[in-house]
Amino acid sequence: MAEGPWAAAGLEVLRHRDFRGDRLERPGTYVVCFAAAWCPVTRRFLPRFSARRAEVDGTLAIADITDLRDPLWEQFAVRITPSIVVFREGVVAARLDGRRLFGISDARWAELAGSMGAQ
């Protein structure tokens, strides 16, 4: 469950050991926010990310890439945090990259969440 800087979000925290190459080692659907604790844009976005839990048919989680040496930066070509990657049965199914200095707008996140609405 949530730890360290992510405790307030109350979401599962994933690390590089939870991935094998570009696959997430988890069954089902996961909506993963790639996040760095030092990023103010990410810290502002996380409450909005976790607030849509009930709207998404899947598990929301955080991939902690606070360490710039974390291999997940390269494995998923993350250039901006936050960025969201949707995994279905471990395989990338959708992606929403943040924009520099802006992150992910409520409208873009709502559109992605709505497309994955709870059944």
Protein backbone atom coordinates (compact mmCIF):
# COMPACT_ATOMS: atom_id res chain seq x y z
CA MET A 1 0.00 0.00 0.00
CA ALA A 2 0.99 3.66 -0.01
CA GLU A 3 4.23 4.58 1.65
CA GLY A 4 6.49 7.59 2.14
CA PRO A 5 5.47 10.60 0.10
CA TRP A 6 2.57 8.65 -1.40
CA ALA A 7 0.84 7.72 1.87
CA ALA A 8 -1.83 10.43 1.53
CA ALA A 9 -2.92 9.05 -1.86
CA GLY A 10 -3.80 5.67 -0.33
CA LEU A 11 -2.85 3.81 -3.52
CA GLU A 12 -0.62 0.81 -4.18
CA VAL A 13 2.95 1.91 -4.86
CA LEU A 14 4.78 0.03 -7.62
CA ARG A 15 8.56 -0.21 -8.05
CA HIS A 16 10.75 -1.38 -10.92
CA ARG A 17 10.67 -4.94 -9.47
CA ASP A 18 6.91 -5.02 -10.25
CA PHE A 19 7.63 -4.80 -13.98
CA ARG A 20 9.33 -7.12 -16.42
CA GLY A 21 10.46 -5.12 -19.42
CA ASP A 22 7.41 -3.18 -20.58
CA ARG A 23 4.96 -5.50 -18.76
CA LEU A 24 3.39 -5.00 -15.36
CA GLU A 25 3.51 -8.19 -13.29
CA ARG A 26 -0.11 -7.85 -12.08
CA PRO A 27 -3.34 -9.43 -13.36
CA GLY A 28 -6.35 -7.37 -14.40
CA THR A 29 -6.45 -3.69 -15.28
CA TYR A 30 -4.10 -1.22 -13.62
CA VAL A 31 -4.08 2.52 -14.20
CA VAL A 32 -0.60 3.61 -13.16
CA CYS A 33 0.51 7.16 -12.52
CA PHE A 34 4.27 7.45 -13.01
CA ALA A 35 5.18 9.98 -10.34
CA ALA A 36 8.17 11.68 -8.74
CA ALA A 37 7.88 13.04 -5.19
CA TRP A 38 10.06 16.06 -6.03
CA CYS A 39 7.66 17.21 -8.80
CA PRO A 40 5.18 19.87 -7.62
CA VAL A 41 2.94 19.25 -10.65
CA THR A 42 2.70 15.56 -9.73
CA ARG A 43 1.95 16.34 -6.08
CA ARG A 44 -0.92 18.63 -7.17
CA PHE A 45 -2.28 16.02 -9.58
CA LEU A 46 -2.33 12.96 -7.28
CA PRO A 47 -5.46 13.96 -5.29
CA ARG A 48 -7.33 14.36 -8.60
CA PHE A 49 -5.94 11.03 -9.83
CA SER A 50 -7.06 9.11 -6.75
CA ALA A 51 -10.44 10.90 -6.63
CA ARG A 52 -11.54 9.04 -9.79
CA ARG A 53 -11.10 5.57 -8.24
CA ALA A 54 -14.82 4.78 -8.41
CA GLU A 55 -15.02 5.82 -12.08
CA VAL A 56 -12.33 3.44 -13.31
CA ASP A 57 -12.80 -0.28 -13.89
CA GLY A 58 -9.43 -1.28 -12.54
CA THR A 59 -6.88 -0.54 -9.86
CA LEU A 60 -5.23 2.86 -9.54
CA ALA A 61 -1.57 2.72 -8.53
CA ILE A 62 1.54 4.89 -8.41
CA ALA A 63 4.84 3.93 -10.04
CA ASP A 64 7.39 5.72 -7.86
CA ILE A 65 10.11 7.10 -10.13
CA THR A 66 11.40 9.71 -7.68
CA ASP A 67 14.95 8.47 -8.22
CA LEU A 68 16.14 9.75 -11.60
CA ARG A 69 18.22 6.56 -11.94
CA ASP A 70 15.13 4.36 -11.68
CA PRO A 71 15.03 2.10 -14.76
CA LEU A 72 11.29 2.78 -15.24
CA TRP A 73 12.13 6.20 -16.69
CA GLU A 74 13.74 4.49 -19.69
CA GLN A 75 11.61 1.33 -19.77
CA PHE A 76 8.49 3.44 -20.36
CA ALA A 77 10.14 6.47 -22.00
CA VAL A 78 8.77 8.76 -19.29
CA ARG A 79 9.78 12.35 -20.01
CA ILE A 80 7.26 14.22 -17.85
CA THR A 81 5.62 13.43 -14.53
CA PRO A 82 2.87 12.77 -14.02
CA SER A 83 2.24 10.37 -16.88
CA ILE A 84 -0.44 7.67 -16.83
CA VAL A 85 -0.14 4.21 -18.37
CA VAL A 86 -3.04 1.75 -18.48
CA PHE A 87 -2.13 -1.94 -18.31
CA ARG A 88 -4.55 -4.75 -19.15
CA GLU A 89 -3.27 -8.16 -18.07
CA GLY A 90 0.19 -6.63 -17.83
CA VAL A 91 0.27 -5.15 -21.34
CA VAL A 92 0.20 -1.41 -22.12
CA ALA A 93 -3.30 -0.55 -23.40
CA ALA A 94 -3.33 3.26 -23.23
CA ARG A 95 -1.12 6.14 -22.25
CA LEU A 96 -1.58 9.76 -21.24
CA ASP A 97 1.60 11.81 -20.92
CA GLY A 98 1.80 14.96 -18.88
CA ARG A 99 2.82 18.25 -20.44
CA ARG A 100 5.85 20.17 -19.22
CA LEU A 101 5.02 22.54 -16.35
CA PHE A 102 1.33 21.67 -16.67
CA GLY A 103 0.98 17.95 -16.08
CA ILE A 104 -2.35 16.34 -16.96
CA SER A 105 -5.47 18.46 -17.16
CA ASP A 106 -8.66 17.44 -15.38
CA ALA A 107 -10.37 17.21 -18.78
CA ARG A 108 -7.77 14.80 -20.23
CA TRP A 109 -7.79 12.63 -17.08
CA ALA A 110 -11.61 12.63 -16.99
CA GLU A 111 -11.70 11.55 -20.64
CA LEU A 112 -9.33 8.63 -20.02
CA ALA A 113 -11.12 7.62 -16.81
CA GLY A 114 -14.49 7.86 -18.54
CA SER A 115 -13.30 5.61 -21.36
CA MET A 116 -12.54 2.98 -18.71
CA GLY A 117 -15.71 3.48 -16.71
CA ALA A 118 -16.64 1.06 -13.99
CA GLN A 119 -18.98 -1.66 -15.24
